[in-house]
């Protein structure tokens, strides 16, 4: 692992989102909350969304640094906490179980992260997790599977390890998405101190990886013929810290968002084999306000569809499509939780203008994730040591 000389002078501990790095983002946001550059020229729309009346319900409380959640077909909610626990919410009661994850690394932004259901969950009861594994000297993102019996989990077994170790507790990314072909897309961060690795095809830092559900590599991945095995799982490259990942089933496109540094948060449409530019192209600056790159565009690199500067610190994301009918005014929007702006935003994907609105104002504070139920209700997970899970339902 090679550190860039101009980056290794910075102290990693300053840039956890719970410490001074986040405070830098907050100060920038306070200076010019709605200054957008690049392709994102519009501010929050004047129309209030959703247009439909709604009620807010609290489903779970006293959550300890939760990261993601999923609703089971029988109505049970599973919520991950970074310390390796899953909170089970069933019949208005909540319980907490320890997953006993192998070599779980809880530090900085590391720990237990995402949770998704296997596409054949009804038959197998399999649940997929992402988490940080290792120690301070060598750690990585891994993907694990376990079965859920309604009250507890089998011991998770790791099906995939990101091949490139790092010695920082930052930028794991860690978002997982089941694609229509039943392959799994997983985002990996650049490790903060290794951002040049996002442009190195043989490094698995700063990438989107595509794997089969058994951990093997699909034969139609874009770099499957590369002589280095590490490149075989790479779906796209040039990412910083992607934590939003959804499938727009109406237009059959993959949409992601990722954290920039001080500014330069992005929303992208993902396509196979594409280079999204980090750190060669960016609208953001370093936390010290030093310029990272002179380029906001470069040949062979894809510019973002949306750029947020100053940073909003996007966390979770969900797609509200035409099959969801509870809030028709939100159809063809992605809903995005934010850690710095402390709001839930919608971005309209329908006409290419990416109009943004502040939605469900009762969902306030540091927001970690968002989930849309089969009925079209919207669940929002807050962040921190005393977090909660809320559900917005139409009146």
Protein backbone atom coordinates (compact mmCIF):
# COMPACT_ATOMS: atom_id res chain seq x y z
CA UNK A 1 0.00 0.00 0.00
CA UNK A 2 1.43 3.34 -1.05
CA UNK A 3 0.55 6.60 0.65
CA UNK A 4 0.75 9.86 -1.27
CA UNK A 5 3.27 12.17 0.36
CA UNK A 6 0.93 15.14 0.35
CA UNK A 7 -1.78 13.11 2.01
CA UNK A 8 0.20 11.23 4.60
CA UNK A 9 0.88 14.48 6.45
CA UNK A 10 -2.77 14.63 7.50
CA UNK A 11 -3.93 12.98 10.71
CA UNK A 12 -6.54 10.34 9.97
CA UNK A 13 -8.22 10.77 13.33
CA UNK A 14 -9.40 14.22 12.32
CA UNK A 15 -11.59 12.92 9.57
CA UNK A 16 -14.02 10.49 11.09
CA UNK A 17 -17.53 11.75 10.43
CA UNK A 18 -17.98 12.03 14.18
CA UNK A 19 -14.96 14.31 14.65
CA UNK A 20 -13.24 17.31 13.15
CA UNK A 21 -13.56 16.17 9.55
CA UNK A 22 -17.30 16.33 9.91
CA UNK A 23 -17.03 19.68 11.65
CA UNK A 24 -15.19 21.00 8.59
CA UNK A 25 -18.11 19.86 6.45
CA UNK A 26 -20.55 21.47 8.85
CA UNK A 27 -18.76 24.80 8.75
CA UNK A 28 -18.73 24.72 4.97
CA UNK A 29 -22.42 23.90 4.88
CA UNK A 30 -23.20 26.79 7.21
CA UNK A 31 -21.34 29.20 4.93
CA UNK A 32 -23.34 28.37 1.83
CA UNK A 33 -25.87 25.62 2.35
CA UNK A 34 -27.31 25.61 -1.12
CA UNK A 35 -24.36 26.53 -3.31
CA UNK A 36 -24.17 23.88 -6.01
CA UNK A 37 -21.64 23.72 -8.81
CA UNK A 38 -21.09 21.57 -11.89
CA UNK A 39 -24.14 19.81 -13.22
CA UNK A 40 -26.34 20.40 -10.20
CA UNK A 41 -27.58 23.94 -10.63
CA UNK A 42 -31.00 23.74 -8.99
CA UNK A 43 -31.80 24.24 -5.33
CA UNK A 44 -34.55 22.66 -3.30
CA UNK A 45 -37.80 22.98 -5.20
CA UNK A 46 -40.49 25.36 -4.04
CA UNK A 47 -43.10 22.59 -4.05
CA UNK A 48 -43.38 20.68 -0.79
CA UNK A 49 -43.06 16.93 -1.17
CA UNK A 50 -44.70 14.63 -0.59
CA UNK A 51 -47.96 16.26 -1.58
CA UNK A 52 -49.91 13.59 0.26
CA UNK A 53 -50.70 13.87 3.98
CA UNK A 54 -48.73 11.49 6.16
CA UNK A 55 -48.26 10.30 9.73
CA UNK A 56 -45.01 9.49 11.51
CA UNK A 57 -44.61 6.42 13.71
CA UNK A 58 -41.63 5.37 15.84
CA UNK A 59 -40.79 1.70 15.36
CA UNK A 60 -37.60 1.37 17.43
CA UNK A 61 -35.66 3.49 19.93
CA UNK A 62 -32.35 3.48 21.84
CA UNK A 63 -30.44 2.10 18.88
CA UNK A 64 -26.65 2.13 19.26
CA UNK A 65 -24.96 3.59 16.15
CA UNK A 66 -27.19 1.79 13.63
CA UNK A 67 -26.17 1.65 9.98
CA UNK A 68 -28.89 -0.03 7.93
CA UNK A 69 -32.18 -1.90 8.11
CA UNK A 70 -34.46 -4.21 6.16
CA UNK A 71 -38.07 -5.32 6.53
CA UNK A 72 -38.88 -9.01 6.26
CA UNK A 73 -41.96 -10.31 4.41
CA UNK A 74 -43.65 -11.09 7.75
CA UNK A 75 -43.27 -7.49 8.96
CA UNK A 76 -40.21 -7.99 11.16
CA UNK A 77 -37.49 -5.32 10.95
CA UNK A 78 -33.77 -6.12 11.23
CA UNK A 79 -31.46 -3.21 12.09
CA UNK A 80 -27.67 -3.44 12.09
CA UNK A 81 -25.57 -1.74 14.77
CA UNK A 82 -21.89 -1.12 14.14
CA UNK A 83 -20.83 -3.00 17.28
CA UNK A 84 -21.97 -6.26 15.67
CA UNK A 85 -25.52 -6.50 16.97
CA UNK A 86 -28.78 -6.77 15.07
CA UNK A 87 -31.91 -5.29 16.61
CA UNK A 88 -35.04 -7.32 15.84
CA UNK A 89 -38.31 -5.38 15.84
CA UNK A 90 -41.35 -7.66 15.85
CA UNK A 91 -44.91 -7.12 17.09
CA UNK A 92 -43.98 -3.71 18.55
CA UNK A 93 -41.19 -5.27 20.64
CA UNK A 94 -37.46 -5.07 20.07
CA UNK A 95 -34.64 -7.42 21.01
CA UNK A 96 -30.91 -7.40 20.33
CA UNK A 97 -28.68 -10.30 19.24
CA UNK A 98 -24.92 -10.47 18.73
CA UNK A 99 -23.89 -11.84 15.32
CA UNK A 100 -20.48 -13.06 16.56
CA UNK A 101 -18.82 -11.85 13.38
CA UNK A 102 -15.37 -13.22 12.69
CA UNK A 103 -12.68 -10.58 13.47
CA UNK A 104 -15.14 -7.68 13.51
CA UNK A 105 -13.23 -4.37 13.55
CA UNK A 106 -15.14 -1.57 15.28
CA UNK A 107 -13.17 1.66 14.96
CA UNK A 108 -13.63 4.97 13.18
CA UNK A 109 -16.27 4.27 10.54
CA UNK A 110 -15.75 0.50 10.75
CA UNK A 111 -18.00 -2.17 12.17
CA UNK A 112 -21.13 -3.98 11.04
CA UNK A 113 -22.60 -2.06 8.11
CA UNK A 114 -25.19 -3.12 5.53
CA UNK A 115 -27.86 -5.80 5.53
CA UNK A 116 -29.83 -7.15 2.55
CA UNK A 117 -32.00 -10.21 2.04
CA UNK A 118 -31.01 -12.93 -0.38
CA UNK A 119 -33.34 -12.95 -3.40
CA UNK A 120 -34.66 -16.36 -2.34
CA UNK A 121 -35.04 -15.38 1.33
CA UNK A 122 -38.50 -16.94 1.67
CA UNK A 123 -36.98 -20.35 1.00
CA UNK A 124 -33.47 -20.04 2.46
CA UNK A 125 -33.85 -17.37 5.19
CA UNK A 126 -30.41 -16.13 4.15
CA UNK A 127 -29.32 -12.61 5.07
CA UNK A 128 -26.25 -10.86 3.66
CA UNK A 129 -24.09 -8.50 5.72
CA UNK A 130 -21.10 -6.28 5.05
CA UNK A 131 -18.66 -5.42 7.83
CA UNK A 132 -15.13 -4.26 8.60
CA UNK A 133 -12.77 -7.09 9.50
CA UNK A 134 -9.21 -7.08 10.85
CA UNK A 135 -7.29 -4.76 13.15
CA UNK A 136 -5.61 -1.37 13.14
CA UNK A 137 -2.64 -2.57 11.10
CA UNK A 138 -4.61 -4.46 8.42
CA UNK A 139 -8.35 -4.28 7.87
CA UNK A 140 -10.79 -4.67 5.00
CA UNK A 141 -14.46 -4.85 4.04
CA UNK A 142 -15.98 -8.35 3.88
CA UNK A 143 -19.31 -9.85 2.83
CA UNK A 144 -20.90 -12.53 5.01
CA UNK A 145 -24.03 -14.68 5.03
CA UNK A 146 -26.19 -16.05 7.83
CA UNK A 147 -29.63 -17.60 8.17
CA UNK A 148 -32.35 -16.11 10.37
CA UNK A 149 -34.80 -18.36 12.21
CA UNK A 150 -37.08 -15.59 13.43
CA UNK A 151 -35.29 -14.97 16.72
CA UNK A 152 -31.58 -15.51 16.06
CA UNK A 153 -28.93 -15.94 13.36
CA UNK A 154 -26.65 -18.80 12.45
CA UNK A 155 -22.96 -17.98 12.74
CA UNK A 156 -22.17 -15.82 9.71
CA UNK A 157 -19.64 -17.14 7.23
CA UNK A 158 -17.58 -14.82 5.05
CA UNK A 159 -18.16 -15.32 1.33
CA UNK A 160 -15.94 -12.50 0.06
CA UNK A 161 -13.05 -10.38 1.33
CA UNK A 162 -11.87 -7.18 -0.31
CA UNK A 163 -8.40 -8.18 -1.45
CA UNK A 164 -6.61 -4.93 -0.61
CA UNK A 165 -5.86 -4.36 3.08
CA UNK A 166 -5.47 -0.91 4.61
CA UNK A 167 -4.40 0.47 8.00
CA UNK A 168 -7.03 3.18 8.42
CA UNK A 169 -10.50 2.90 10.03
CA UNK A 170 -12.15 5.13 7.42
CA UNK A 171 -13.97 4.88 4.08
CA UNK A 172 -15.26 1.33 3.94
CA UNK A 173 -18.29 2.29 1.82
CA UNK A 174 -19.95 -1.10 2.43
CA UNK A 175 -23.27 -0.74 0.62
CA UNK A 176 -24.70 -3.90 -0.96
CA UNK A 177 -27.29 -4.28 -3.74
CA UNK A 178 -28.86 -7.38 -5.25
CA UNK A 179 -29.12 -6.90 -9.02
CA UNK A 180 -31.90 -8.37 -11.20
CA UNK A 181 -29.59 -11.17 -12.37
CA UNK A 182 -29.10 -12.18 -8.69
CA UNK A 183 -25.51 -11.01 -8.57
CA UNK A 184 -24.37 -8.77 -5.72
CA UNK A 185 -22.92 -5.29 -6.15
CA UNK A 186 -20.78 -4.08 -3.23
CA UNK A 187 -19.21 -0.64 -2.81
CA UNK A 188 -15.71 -0.28 -1.37
CA UNK A 189 -14.16 2.95 -0.15
CA UNK A 190 -10.71 4.31 -0.86
CA UNK A 191 -9.52 3.91 2.74
CA UNK A 192 -9.12 7.69 3.02
CA UNK A 193 -5.31 7.63 3.07
CA UNK A 194 -5.05 5.60 -0.15
CA UNK A 195 -7.16 7.56 -2.56
CA UNK A 196 -4.84 7.03 -5.50
CA UNK A 197 -5.76 3.34 -5.24
CA UNK A 198 -9.22 4.19 -6.61
CA UNK A 199 -7.52 4.54 -10.02
CA UNK A 200 -5.49 1.34 -9.75
CA UNK A 201 -7.39 -1.53 -11.37
CA UNK A 202 -5.47 -4.16 -9.38
CA UNK A 203 -6.52 -2.57 -6.08
CA UNK A 204 -10.01 -3.22 -4.75
CA UNK A 205 -10.14 0.10 -2.89
CA UNK A 206 -12.42 2.80 -4.29
CA UNK A 207 -14.42 0.38 -6.45
CA UNK A 208 -17.79 -1.19 -7.07
CA UNK A 209 -17.35 -4.96 -6.99
CA UNK A 210 -19.75 -7.45 -8.56
CA UNK A 211 -19.81 -11.00 -7.25
CA UNK A 212 -22.08 -14.02 -7.27
CA UNK A 213 -24.01 -14.84 -4.12
CA UNK A 214 -21.60 -17.66 -3.35
CA UNK A 215 -18.64 -15.27 -3.51
CA UNK A 216 -17.38 -16.33 -6.92
CA UNK A 217 -16.79 -13.88 -9.76
CA UNK A 218 -19.26 -13.49 -12.65
CA UNK A 219 -17.71 -14.37 -15.98
CA UNK A 220 -19.10 -11.26 -17.69
CA UNK A 221 -17.44 -8.70 -15.41
CA UNK A 222 -15.63 -5.98 -17.41
CA UNK A 223 -12.07 -6.84 -16.30
CA UNK A 224 -12.45 -10.62 -16.08
CA UNK A 225 -9.59 -11.15 -18.53
CA UNK A 226 -7.10 -9.04 -16.59
CA UNK A 227 -3.99 -10.96 -15.60
CA UNK A 228 -4.38 -9.87 -11.96
CA UNK A 229 -7.18 -11.69 -10.13
CA UNK A 230 -7.98 -8.63 -8.00
CA UNK A 231 -9.37 -6.89 -11.08
CA UNK A 232 -11.82 -9.66 -11.94
CA UNK A 233 -14.50 -8.54 -9.47
CA UNK A 234 -14.27 -4.84 -10.38
CA UNK A 235 -17.46 -3.41 -11.88
CA UNK A 236 -16.47 0.28 -11.84
CA UNK A 237 -13.60 2.36 -10.46
CA UNK A 238 -12.67 5.88 -9.39
CA UNK A 239 -14.90 6.04 -6.29
CA UNK A 240 -14.22 7.68 -2.93
CA UNK A 241 -16.75 6.41 -0.39
CA UNK A 242 -20.02 5.26 -1.99
CA UNK A 243 -22.74 4.64 0.61
CA UNK A 244 -25.87 4.91 -1.54
CA UNK A 245 -26.66 2.17 -4.05
CA UNK A 246 -30.06 1.46 -5.63
CA UNK A 247 -31.59 -0.09 -8.71
CA UNK A 248 -34.02 2.04 -10.72
CA UNK A 249 -36.25 -0.76 -11.97
CA UNK A 250 -38.32 1.63 -14.10
CA UNK A 251 -35.40 2.54 -16.37
CA UNK A 252 -33.18 -0.46 -15.50
CA UNK A 253 -30.28 1.67 -14.23
CA UNK A 254 -28.02 1.51 -11.19
CA UNK A 255 -27.74 4.74 -9.20
CA UNK A 256 -25.15 5.48 -6.52
CA UNK A 257 -24.03 8.37 -4.38
CA UNK A 258 -20.77 8.93 -2.56
CA UNK A 259 -19.10 11.22 -0.09
CA UNK A 260 -16.74 13.82 -1.45
CA UNK A 261 -14.12 15.50 0.76
CA UNK A 262 -14.94 19.15 1.63
CA UNK A 263 -17.55 19.39 -1.10
CA UNK A 264 -17.89 17.21 -4.14
CA UNK A 265 -20.50 14.73 -2.92
CA UNK A 266 -21.82 12.95 -6.03
CA UNK A 267 -24.76 11.11 -7.51
CA UNK A 268 -23.86 8.82 -10.41
CA UNK A 269 -25.46 6.40 -12.84
CA UNK A 270 -23.27 3.31 -12.77
CA UNK A 271 -22.30 1.42 -15.90
CA UNK A 272 -19.96 -1.50 -16.21
CA UNK A 273 -16.27 -0.75 -16.65
CA UNK A 274 -16.67 3.01 -16.18
CA UNK A 275 -14.15 5.24 -14.40
CA UNK A 276 -15.83 7.84 -12.14
CA UNK A 277 -12.71 9.89 -11.73
CA UNK A 278 -11.75 10.09 -8.07
CA UNK A 279 -9.29 11.62 -7.21
CA UNK A 280 -8.40 12.91 -10.69
CA UNK A 281 -11.67 14.79 -11.12
CA UNK A 282 -13.59 16.28 -8.21
CA UNK A 283 -15.47 19.43 -7.25
CA UNK A 284 -14.31 19.07 -3.66
CA UNK A 285 -11.26 20.28 -1.79
CA UNK A 286 -9.23 18.61 0.91
CA UNK A 287 -10.32 19.18 4.51
CA UNK A 288 -7.32 21.52 4.85
CA UNK A 289 -8.81 23.46 1.87
CA UNK A 290 -5.86 22.38 -0.28
CA UNK A 291 -6.75 21.61 -3.88
CA UNK A 292 -6.95 17.88 -4.56
CA UNK A 293 -6.95 18.13 -8.35
CA UNK A 294 -7.12 20.93 -10.93
CA UNK A 295 -9.63 18.89 -12.95
CA UNK A 296 -13.41 18.65 -12.80
CA UNK A 297 -13.43 16.69 -16.05
CA UNK A 298 -10.92 14.47 -17.77
CA UNK A 299 -10.95 12.30 -20.87
CA UNK A 300 -12.19 8.79 -20.17
CA UNK A 301 -13.73 9.70 -16.81
CA UNK A 302 -17.43 10.12 -16.07
CA UNK A 303 -18.62 13.37 -14.47
CA UNK A 304 -21.30 13.12 -11.78
CA UNK A 305 -24.95 13.65 -12.62
CA UNK A 306 -25.34 15.62 -9.38
CA UNK A 307 -22.66 17.42 -7.41
CA UNK A 308 -23.22 18.78 -3.91
CA UNK A 309 -20.82 21.49 -2.80
CA UNK A 310 -20.73 22.17 0.13
CA UNK A 311 -21.20 18.61 1.23
CA UNK A 312 -24.51 17.29 2.47
CA UNK A 313 -22.80 14.02 3.53
CA UNK A 314 -25.23 11.57 1.88
CA UNK A 315 -25.62 8.29 3.72
CA UNK A 316 -28.44 5.92 2.72
CA UNK A 317 -30.57 5.97 -0.42
CA UNK A 318 -33.75 4.28 -1.64
CA UNK A 319 -35.59 4.36 -4.96
CA UNK A 320 -39.30 5.21 -5.02
CA UNK A 321 -40.59 3.69 -8.26
CA UNK A 322 -43.89 3.32 -10.05
CA UNK A 323 -44.77 0.13 -8.18
CA UNK A 324 -44.96 2.21 -4.99
CA UNK A 325 -48.31 3.99 -4.83
CA UNK A 326 -48.67 5.35 -1.28
CA UNK A 327 -46.91 8.61 -2.17
CA UNK A 328 -47.43 9.16 -5.94
CA UNK A 329 -45.68 12.52 -5.80
CA UNK A 330 -42.41 10.73 -4.94
CA UNK A 331 -42.48 8.31 -7.85
CA UNK A 332 -39.27 8.32 -9.94
CA UNK A 333 -37.34 9.92 -7.08
CA UNK A 334 -34.44 8.68 -5.02
CA UNK A 335 -34.67 9.47 -1.33
CA UNK A 336 -31.36 10.35 0.33
CA UNK A 337 -30.54 10.63 4.02
CA UNK A 338 -27.86 13.13 5.05
CA UNK A 339 -25.51 13.43 8.01
CA UNK A 340 -24.48 17.08 7.68
CA UNK A 341 -27.64 18.69 6.33
CA UNK A 342 -29.64 16.50 8.75
CA UNK A 343 -32.54 16.19 6.32
CA UNK A 344 -34.14 13.68 4.00
CA UNK A 345 -33.95 14.79 0.38
CA UNK A 346 -35.58 13.56 -2.79
CA UNK A 347 -33.97 13.87 -6.20
CA UNK A 348 -36.24 13.64 -9.24
CA UNK A 349 -34.80 11.25 -11.82
CA UNK A 350 -37.66 11.62 -14.31
CA UNK A 351 -36.50 14.40 -16.62
CA UNK A 352 -32.73 14.65 -16.18
CA UNK A 353 -32.88 17.96 -14.28
CA UNK A 354 -32.40 16.26 -10.89
CA UNK A 355 -34.66 18.65 -9.02
CA UNK A 356 -34.14 18.33 -5.28
CA UNK A 357 -36.72 18.67 -2.52
CA UNK A 358 -36.64 18.43 1.27
CA UNK A 359 -39.16 15.72 2.15
CA UNK A 360 -40.74 14.49 5.39
CA UNK A 361 -39.46 17.37 7.58
CA UNK A 362 -40.28 15.40 10.73
CA UNK A 363 -37.31 13.19 9.85
CA UNK A 364 -34.66 15.53 11.26
CA UNK A 365 -31.18 15.23 12.75
CA UNK A 366 -28.31 13.10 11.54
CA UNK A 367 -30.00 10.56 9.29
CA UNK A 368 -28.26 7.27 8.50
CA UNK A 369 -30.46 5.27 6.13
CA UNK A 370 -33.81 5.11 4.33
CA UNK A 371 -35.91 2.13 3.27
CA UNK A 372 -39.11 1.87 1.24
CA UNK A 373 -41.51 -0.92 2.16
CA UNK A 374 -43.40 -3.04 -0.36
CA UNK A 375 -46.48 -0.92 0.31
CA UNK A 376 -44.54 2.28 -0.39
CA UNK A 377 -44.21 3.61 3.14
CA UNK A 378 -40.90 5.30 3.97
CA UNK A 379 -38.71 4.27 6.90
CA UNK A 380 -35.88 6.50 8.12
CA UNK A 381 -33.07 5.49 10.46
CA UNK A 382 -31.36 8.15 12.54
CA UNK A 383 -27.70 8.08 13.55
CA UNK A 384 -25.83 8.01 16.84
CA UNK A 385 -25.93 6.44 20.28
CA UNK A 386 -29.65 7.04 20.92
CA UNK A 387 -30.98 6.52 17.42
CA UNK A 388 -34.44 5.50 16.30
CA UNK A 389 -36.31 4.00 13.36
CA UNK A 390 -39.28 6.01 12.05
CA UNK A 391 -41.96 5.10 9.53
CA UNK A 392 -43.91 7.57 7.42
CA UNK A 393 -47.30 6.32 6.26
CA UNK A 394 -49.96 8.01 4.12
CA UNK A 395 -53.09 9.20 5.94
